[in-house]
Amino acid sequence: HMCKIVFIFSEKGGVGKTITAVGLINEMIKIKSKSNVLAINLDESSYSLEAVLSRYNLLSKVDYRNESFDTLNRCLENEIRNNKYNFVVVDFKGSEIDSDFNYIEKVFDKANVCIIPIIPSVSNITAILKALDRMHKLNVNNKIKLLINLHGAENLTITNLVNKLNNEYKSYHLLTKTIEDVRKHDDLINVFNKQNRETFQYLIQIINEK
C-alpha cells in the first residue's frame, strides 16, 4: 500500500477541523482491521485532537503524536519512507502558518489531499479566500477539497457564498454536506450520524484515488 497523507487545514479556528479529522479516522479504522492510522496534532489548544479521539474511544485504535509545524516535514518524510501506515491524518492549528515559503511548499507537497472545512458566513469569507489564495500560490489546487459545514447556516447569504465559491473555484471539489460544528460539541451531539458518516466515507474514497 501507499501511505496516504491527509491535511485538515484552516487558518481560522472553530470551523470543524478536529471533528473532521476524528470523523475521517473513525471511518479509516473501519475500512479493514489492518488500516493503520497515524494521527498527528499540530494544535496546542486545550480542545485537542487527543481529547476528542479519547472521547470517542478511538485513541487506543490509532498511533497518536504531537508535532510542531517545524518538525512536520521530517516526520512526514519518515512516514513516507517507512510506509507503515495506510493513512496519516494531520490536524493543523487554526492560526496563520508562520514559516518560510519554501518550507511550507515542501510540507504541502507531501499531502495527497488537503481538506479545508468551512463554516460559510460573511465574516469567514475573507479567511476562506485568503486560505484558497495561499493554496493557489503553493500550487496544490488539485489536492484541495472544501468541506462546507452548513450547520446552522441556512440563509440566503450562505447560498450566495457557496455559489460564489463554486463559480470562482471550479477546480475544487466542493462538498456541500453537513458536518457538525465543533463548538456544539459540549452538547455531545453524535458526529457519527448517517449523513456525516457518508460525507467522511466519500472523502476517504477521494483520498484513496489520489
C-alpha atoms as a PDB file:
ATOM      1  CA  HIS A   1       0.000   0.000   0.000  1.00  0.00           C
ATOM      2  CA  MET A   2       0.965   3.603  -0.360  1.00  0.00           C
ATOM      3  CA  CYS A   3       0.760   5.759   2.742  1.00  0.00           C
ATOM      4  CA  LYS A   4      -1.948   8.424   2.157  1.00  0.00           C
ATOM      5  CA  ILE A   5      -1.282  11.773   3.821  1.00  0.00           C
ATOM      6  CA  VAL A   6      -4.303  13.929   4.643  1.00  0.00           C
ATOM      7  CA  PHE A   7      -4.134  17.515   5.919  1.00  0.00           C
ATOM      8  CA  ILE A   8      -7.112  19.066   7.713  1.00  0.00           C
ATOM      9  CA  PHE A   9      -6.254  22.708   7.275  1.00  0.00           C
ATOM     10  CA  SER A  10      -7.717  26.100   8.059  1.00  0.00           C
ATOM     11  CA  GLU A  11      -6.191  29.303   9.335  1.00  0.00           C
ATOM     12  CA  LYS A  12      -9.465  30.016  11.101  1.00  0.00           C
ATOM     13  CA  GLY A  13     -10.293  28.313  14.369  1.00  0.00           C
ATOM     14  CA  GLY A  14     -13.631  26.732  15.280  1.00  0.00           C
ATOM     15  CA  VAL A  15     -14.595  25.607  11.771  1.00  0.00           C
ATOM     16  CA  GLY A  16     -14.675  21.882  12.495  1.00  0.00           C
ATOM     17  CA  LYS A  17     -11.089  20.781  11.729  1.00  0.00           C
ATOM     18  CA  THR A  18     -10.681  18.434  14.663  1.00  0.00           C
ATOM     19  CA  ILE A  19     -14.091  16.838  14.281  1.00  0.00           C
ATOM     20  CA  THR A  20     -13.401  16.342  10.561  1.00  0.00           C
ATOM     21  CA  ALA A  21     -10.133  14.610  11.489  1.00  0.00           C
ATOM     22  CA  VAL A  22     -11.905  12.391  14.028  1.00  0.00           C
ATOM     23  CA  GLY A  23     -14.770  11.584  11.627  1.00  0.00           C
ATOM     24  CA  LEU A  24     -12.266  10.545   8.965  1.00  0.00           C
ATOM     25  CA  ILE A  25     -10.190   8.488  11.409  1.00  0.00           C
ATOM     26  CA  ASN A  26     -13.346   6.730  12.621  1.00  0.00           C
ATOM     27  CA  GLU A  27     -14.086   5.601   9.042  1.00  0.00           C
ATOM     28  CA  MET A  28     -10.440   4.786   8.260  1.00  0.00           C
ATOM     29  CA  ILE A  29     -10.181   2.277  11.089  1.00  0.00           C
ATOM     30  CA  LYS A  30     -13.474   0.666   9.998  1.00  0.00           C
ATOM     31  CA  ILE A  31     -12.269   0.019   6.438  1.00  0.00           C
ATOM     32  CA  LYS A  32     -10.258  -3.015   7.447  1.00  0.00           C
ATOM     33  CA  SER A  33      -8.748  -4.164  10.684  1.00  0.00           C
ATOM     34  CA  LYS A  34      -5.244  -3.548   9.345  1.00  0.00           C
ATOM     35  CA  SER A  35      -5.924   0.062   8.430  1.00  0.00           C
ATOM     36  CA  ASN A  36      -3.071   1.557  10.417  1.00  0.00           C
ATOM     37  CA  VAL A  37      -3.682   5.212  11.131  1.00  0.00           C
ATOM     38  CA  LEU A  38      -1.274   7.805  12.487  1.00  0.00           C
ATOM     39  CA  ALA A  39      -2.979  10.912  13.900  1.00  0.00           C
ATOM     40  CA  ILE A  40      -0.745  13.990  14.122  1.00  0.00           C
ATOM     41  CA  ASN A  41      -1.835  17.004  16.146  1.00  0.00           C
ATOM     42  CA  LEU A  42      -0.299  20.420  15.459  1.00  0.00           C
ATOM     43  CA  ASP A  43      -2.711  22.326  17.678  1.00  0.00           C
ATOM     44  CA  GLU A  44      -1.606  23.099  21.221  1.00  0.00           C
ATOM     45  CA  SER A  45      -5.039  24.326  22.292  1.00  0.00           C
ATOM     46  CA  SER A  46      -6.841  22.542  25.099  1.00  0.00           C
ATOM     47  CA  TYR A  47      -9.584  21.282  22.811  1.00  0.00           C
ATOM     48  CA  SER A  48      -7.194  18.965  21.078  1.00  0.00           C
ATOM     49  CA  LEU A  49      -7.378  16.039  18.714  1.00  0.00           C
ATOM     50  CA  GLU A  50      -6.208  13.759  21.511  1.00  0.00           C
ATOM     51  CA  ALA A  51      -9.132  14.760  23.758  1.00  0.00           C
ATOM     52  CA  VAL A  52     -11.734  14.209  21.024  1.00  0.00           C
ATOM     53  CA  LEU A  53     -10.255  10.862  19.926  1.00  0.00           C
ATOM     54  CA  SER A  54     -10.295   9.829  23.552  1.00  0.00           C
ATOM     55  CA  ARG A  55     -13.919  10.949  23.982  1.00  0.00           C
ATOM     56  CA  TYR A  56     -14.992   8.677  21.123  1.00  0.00           C
ATOM     57  CA  ASN A  57     -12.832   5.739  22.300  1.00  0.00           C
ATOM     58  CA  LEU A  58     -10.628   5.961  19.218  1.00  0.00           C
ATOM     59  CA  LEU A  59      -7.316   6.926  20.819  1.00  0.00           C
ATOM     60  CA  SER A  60      -6.297   3.337  21.579  1.00  0.00           C
ATOM     61  CA  LYS A  61      -7.016   2.340  17.951  1.00  0.00           C
ATOM     62  CA  VAL A  62      -4.556   4.756  16.336  1.00  0.00           C
ATOM     63  CA  ASP A  63      -0.979   5.898  16.819  1.00  0.00           C
ATOM     64  CA  TYR A  64      -1.046   9.463  18.106  1.00  0.00           C
ATOM     65  CA  ARG A  65       1.665  12.110  18.014  1.00  0.00           C
ATOM     66  CA  ASN A  66       2.072  15.803  18.771  1.00  0.00           C
ATOM     67  CA  GLU A  67       4.310  17.661  16.331  1.00  0.00           C
ATOM     68  CA  SER A  68       5.042  21.273  15.544  1.00  0.00           C
ATOM     69  CA  PHE A  69       4.857  22.651  12.013  1.00  0.00           C
ATOM     70  CA  ASP A  70       8.666  22.940  12.063  1.00  0.00           C
ATOM     71  CA  THR A  71       9.109  19.197  12.682  1.00  0.00           C
ATOM     72  CA  LEU A  72       6.286  18.109  10.373  1.00  0.00           C
ATOM     73  CA  ASN A  73       8.306  17.825   7.168  1.00  0.00           C
ATOM     74  CA  ARG A  74      10.876  15.489   8.706  1.00  0.00           C
ATOM     75  CA  CYS A  75       8.112  13.467  10.342  1.00  0.00           C
ATOM     76  CA  LEU A  76       6.240  13.032   7.019  1.00  0.00           C
ATOM     77  CA  GLU A  77       9.443  12.131   5.179  1.00  0.00           C
ATOM     78  CA  ASN A  78       9.992   9.323   7.683  1.00  0.00           C
ATOM     79  CA  GLU A  79       6.433   8.038   7.360  1.00  0.00           C
ATOM     80  CA  ILE A  80       6.588   8.034   3.549  1.00  0.00           C
ATOM     81  CA  ARG A  81       9.869   6.110   3.718  1.00  0.00           C
ATOM     82  CA  ASN A  82       8.686   3.625   6.375  1.00  0.00           C
ATOM     83  CA  ASN A  83       5.274   3.155   4.728  1.00  0.00           C
ATOM     84  CA  LYS A  84       3.911   1.617   7.926  1.00  0.00           C
ATOM     85  CA  TYR A  85       0.567   3.425   7.922  1.00  0.00           C
ATOM     86  CA  ASN A  86      -2.332   3.337   5.474  1.00  0.00           C
ATOM     87  CA  PHE A  87      -3.272   6.865   6.498  1.00  0.00           C
ATOM     88  CA  VAL A  88      -1.538   9.791   8.183  1.00  0.00           C
ATOM     89  CA  VAL A  89      -4.030  12.484   9.276  1.00  0.00           C
ATOM     90  CA  VAL A  90      -2.632  15.895  10.260  1.00  0.00           C
ATOM     91  CA  ASP A  91      -4.856  18.262  12.262  1.00  0.00           C
ATOM     92  CA  PHE A  92      -3.487  21.788  11.723  1.00  0.00           C
ATOM     93  CA  LYS A  93      -3.940  24.572  14.200  1.00  0.00           C
ATOM     94  CA  GLY A  94      -6.359  27.381  13.416  1.00  0.00           C
ATOM     95  CA  SER A  95      -3.824  30.136  13.002  1.00  0.00           C
ATOM     96  CA  GLU A  96      -1.572  31.624  10.364  1.00  0.00           C
ATOM     97  CA  ILE A  97       1.303  29.379   9.349  1.00  0.00           C
ATOM     98  CA  ASP A  98       4.339  31.486  10.055  1.00  0.00           C
ATOM     99  CA  SER A  99       7.131  29.849   8.135  1.00  0.00           C
ATOM    100  CA  ASP A 100       9.450  30.189   5.194  1.00  0.00           C
ATOM    101  CA  PHE A 101       7.515  29.724   1.912  1.00  0.00           C
ATOM    102  CA  ASN A 102       9.888  27.039   0.582  1.00  0.00           C
ATOM    103  CA  TYR A 103       9.385  25.014   3.729  1.00  0.00           C
ATOM    104  CA  ILE A 104       5.584  25.365   3.551  1.00  0.00           C
ATOM    105  CA  GLU A 105       5.747  24.250  -0.091  1.00  0.00           C
ATOM    106  CA  LYS A 106       7.785  21.163   0.874  1.00  0.00           C
ATOM    107  CA  VAL A 107       5.273  20.226   3.560  1.00  0.00           C
ATOM    108  CA  PHE A 108       2.175  20.673   1.382  1.00  0.00           C
ATOM    109  CA  ASP A 109       3.843  18.815  -1.452  1.00  0.00           C
ATOM    110  CA  LYS A 110       3.683  15.690   0.717  1.00  0.00           C
ATOM    111  CA  ALA A 111      -0.093  15.770   1.200  1.00  0.00           C
ATOM    112  CA  ASN A 112      -2.301  13.615  -1.011  1.00  0.00           C
ATOM    113  CA  VAL A 113      -5.383  15.611  -0.045  1.00  0.00           C
ATOM    114  CA  CYS A 114      -5.849  18.861   1.857  1.00  0.00           C
ATOM    115  CA  ILE A 115      -9.327  19.222   3.368  1.00  0.00           C
ATOM    116  CA  ILE A 116     -10.398  22.747   4.310  1.00  0.00           C
ATOM    117  CA  PRO A 117     -13.523  22.799   6.489  1.00  0.00           C
ATOM    118  CA  ILE A 118     -15.562  25.974   6.200  1.00  0.00           C
ATOM    119  CA  ILE A 119     -18.452  27.424   8.144  1.00  0.00           C
ATOM    120  CA  PRO A 120     -19.759  29.715   5.427  1.00  0.00           C
ATOM    121  CA  SER A 121     -20.579  33.056   6.978  1.00  0.00           C
ATOM    122  CA  VAL A 122     -19.916  36.575   5.801  1.00  0.00           C
ATOM    123  CA  SER A 123     -17.262  37.036   8.490  1.00  0.00           C
ATOM    124  CA  ASN A 124     -15.487  33.902   7.285  1.00  0.00           C
ATOM    125  CA  ILE A 125     -15.318  34.770   3.603  1.00  0.00           C
ATOM    126  CA  THR A 126     -12.084  36.771   3.916  1.00  0.00           C
ATOM    127  CA  ALA A 127     -10.393  33.911   5.738  1.00  0.00           C
ATOM    128  CA  ILE A 128     -11.661  31.386   3.181  1.00  0.00           C
ATOM    129  CA  LEU A 129     -10.483  33.405   0.186  1.00  0.00           C
ATOM    130  CA  LYS A 130      -7.143  34.081   1.860  1.00  0.00           C
ATOM    131  CA  ALA A 131      -6.603  30.359   2.509  1.00  0.00           C
ATOM    132  CA  LEU A 132      -7.531  29.478  -1.091  1.00  0.00           C
ATOM    133  CA  ASP A 133      -5.210  32.185  -2.372  1.00  0.00           C
ATOM    134  CA  ARG A 134      -2.358  30.732  -0.336  1.00  0.00           C
ATOM    135  CA  MET A 135      -3.125  27.232  -1.628  1.00  0.00           C
ATOM    136  CA  HIS A 136      -3.128  28.575  -5.173  1.00  0.00           C
ATOM    137  CA  LYS A 137       0.374  30.022  -4.641  1.00  0.00           C
ATOM    138  CA  LEU A 138       1.517  26.679  -3.242  1.00  0.00           C
ATOM    139  CA  ASN A 139       0.242  25.089  -6.440  1.00  0.00           C
ATOM    140  CA  VAL A 140      -1.849  22.491  -4.621  1.00  0.00           C
ATOM    141  CA  ASN A 141      -5.262  23.288  -6.148  1.00  0.00           C
ATOM    142  CA  ASN A 142      -5.717  19.708  -7.296  1.00  0.00           C
ATOM    143  CA  LYS A 143      -5.326  18.439  -3.720  1.00  0.00           C
ATOM    144  CA  ILE A 144      -7.884  20.720  -2.114  1.00  0.00           C
ATOM    145  CA  LYS A 145     -11.326  19.643  -1.005  1.00  0.00           C
ATOM    146  CA  LEU A 146     -13.531  22.265   0.615  1.00  0.00           C
ATOM    147  CA  LEU A 147     -15.825  20.743   3.192  1.00  0.00           C
ATOM    148  CA  ILE A 148     -18.673  23.165   3.697  1.00  0.00           C
ATOM    149  CA  ASN A 149     -20.164  22.948   7.163  1.00  0.00           C
ATOM    150  CA  LEU A 150     -23.751  24.094   6.744  1.00  0.00           C
ATOM    151  CA  HIS A 151     -24.570  23.551  10.393  1.00  0.00           C
ATOM    152  CA  GLY A 152     -26.961  26.304  11.483  1.00  0.00           C
ATOM    153  CA  ALA A 153     -26.242  28.354   8.378  1.00  0.00           C
ATOM    154  CA  GLU A 154     -29.238  28.286   6.078  1.00  0.00           C
ATOM    155  CA  ASN A 155     -29.855  31.845   4.953  1.00  0.00           C
ATOM    156  CA  LEU A 156     -29.570  33.416   1.529  1.00  0.00           C
ATOM    157  CA  THR A 157     -26.126  34.897   2.153  1.00  0.00           C
ATOM    158  CA  ILE A 158     -24.776  31.392   2.678  1.00  0.00           C
ATOM    159  CA  THR A 159     -26.294  30.145  -0.584  1.00  0.00           C
ATOM    160  CA  ASN A 160     -24.745  33.124  -2.380  1.00  0.00           C
ATOM    161  CA  LEU A 161     -21.378  32.450  -0.782  1.00  0.00           C
ATOM    162  CA  VAL A 162     -21.425  28.763  -1.720  1.00  0.00           C
ATOM    163  CA  ASN A 163     -22.392  29.675  -5.303  1.00  0.00           C
ATOM    164  CA  LYS A 164     -19.636  32.283  -5.431  1.00  0.00           C
ATOM    165  CA  LEU A 165     -17.052  29.744  -4.256  1.00  0.00           C
ATOM    166  CA  ASN A 166     -18.378  27.198  -6.751  1.00  0.00           C
ATOM    167  CA  ASN A 167     -18.060  29.702  -9.594  1.00  0.00           C
ATOM    168  CA  GLU A 168     -14.668  31.080  -8.628  1.00  0.00           C
ATOM    169  CA  TYR A 169     -13.051  27.786  -7.771  1.00  0.00           C
ATOM    170  CA  LYS A 170     -14.296  25.356 -10.376  1.00  0.00           C
ATOM    171  CA  SER A 171     -11.152  23.269  -9.976  1.00  0.00           C
ATOM    172  CA  TYR A 172     -12.010  22.480  -6.355  1.00  0.00           C
ATOM    173  CA  HIS A 173     -14.347  19.702  -5.476  1.00  0.00           C
ATOM    174  CA  LEU A 174     -16.900  21.380  -3.248  1.00  0.00           C
ATOM    175  CA  LEU A 175     -18.756  19.267  -0.755  1.00  0.00           C
ATOM    176  CA  THR A 176     -21.984  20.778   0.474  1.00  0.00           C
ATOM    177  CA  LYS A 177     -22.840  18.135   3.002  1.00  0.00           C
ATOM    178  CA  THR A 178     -23.288  18.949   6.659  1.00  0.00           C
ATOM    179  CA  ILE A 179     -20.761  18.255   9.347  1.00  0.00           C
ATOM    180  CA  GLU A 180     -21.406  19.214  12.949  1.00  0.00           C
ATOM    181  CA  ASP A 181     -19.988  22.454  14.245  1.00  0.00           C
ATOM    182  CA  VAL A 182     -17.136  21.713  16.636  1.00  0.00           C
ATOM    183  CA  ARG A 183     -18.474  24.317  19.069  1.00  0.00           C
ATOM    184  CA  LYS A 184     -21.658  22.303  19.581  1.00  0.00           C
ATOM    185  CA  HIS A 185     -19.503  19.555  20.985  1.00  0.00           C
ATOM    186  CA  ASP A 186     -20.252  20.215  24.602  1.00  0.00           C
ATOM    187  CA  ASP A 187     -23.812  19.003  23.940  1.00  0.00           C
ATOM    188  CA  LEU A 188     -22.235  15.688  22.910  1.00  0.00           C
ATOM    189  CA  ILE A 189     -24.011  15.700  19.554  1.00  0.00           C
ATOM    190  CA  ASN A 190     -23.267  12.413  17.841  1.00  0.00           C
ATOM    191  CA  VAL A 191     -20.965  13.384  14.996  1.00  0.00           C
ATOM    192  CA  PHE A 192     -21.171   9.882  13.609  1.00  0.00           C
ATOM    193  CA  ASN A 193     -24.724  10.160  12.344  1.00  0.00           C
ATOM    194  CA  LYS A 194     -25.603   8.624   8.979  1.00  0.00           C
ATOM    195  CA  GLN A 195     -25.243  11.835   6.964  1.00  0.00           C
ATOM    196  CA  ASN A 196     -21.856  12.728   8.454  1.00  0.00           C
ATOM    197  CA  ARG A 197     -20.548   9.191   8.068  1.00  0.00           C
ATOM    198  CA  GLU A 198     -21.485   9.242   4.374  1.00  0.00           C
ATOM    199  CA  THR A 199     -19.563  12.515   3.978  1.00  0.00           C
ATOM    200  CA  PHE A 200     -16.461  11.053   5.641  1.00  0.00           C
ATOM    201  CA  GLN A 201     -16.708   7.807   3.639  1.00  0.00           C
ATOM    202  CA  TYR A 202     -16.966   9.862   0.464  1.00  0.00           C
ATOM    203  CA  LEU A 203     -13.864  11.843   1.449  1.00  0.00           C
ATOM    204  CA  ILE A 204     -11.942   8.612   2.026  1.00  0.00           C
ATOM    205  CA  GLN A 205     -12.887   7.453  -1.487  1.00  0.00           C
ATOM    206  CA  ILE A 206     -11.385  10.690  -2.817  1.00  0.00           C
ATOM    207  CA  ILE A 207      -8.256  10.237  -0.655  1.00  0.00           C
ATOM    208  CA  ASN A 208      -7.775   6.692  -1.943  1.00  0.00           C
ATOM    209  CA  GLU A 209      -7.980   7.898  -5.544  1.00  0.00           C
ATOM    210  CA  LYS A 210      -5.136  10.392  -5.050  1.00  0.00           C
END
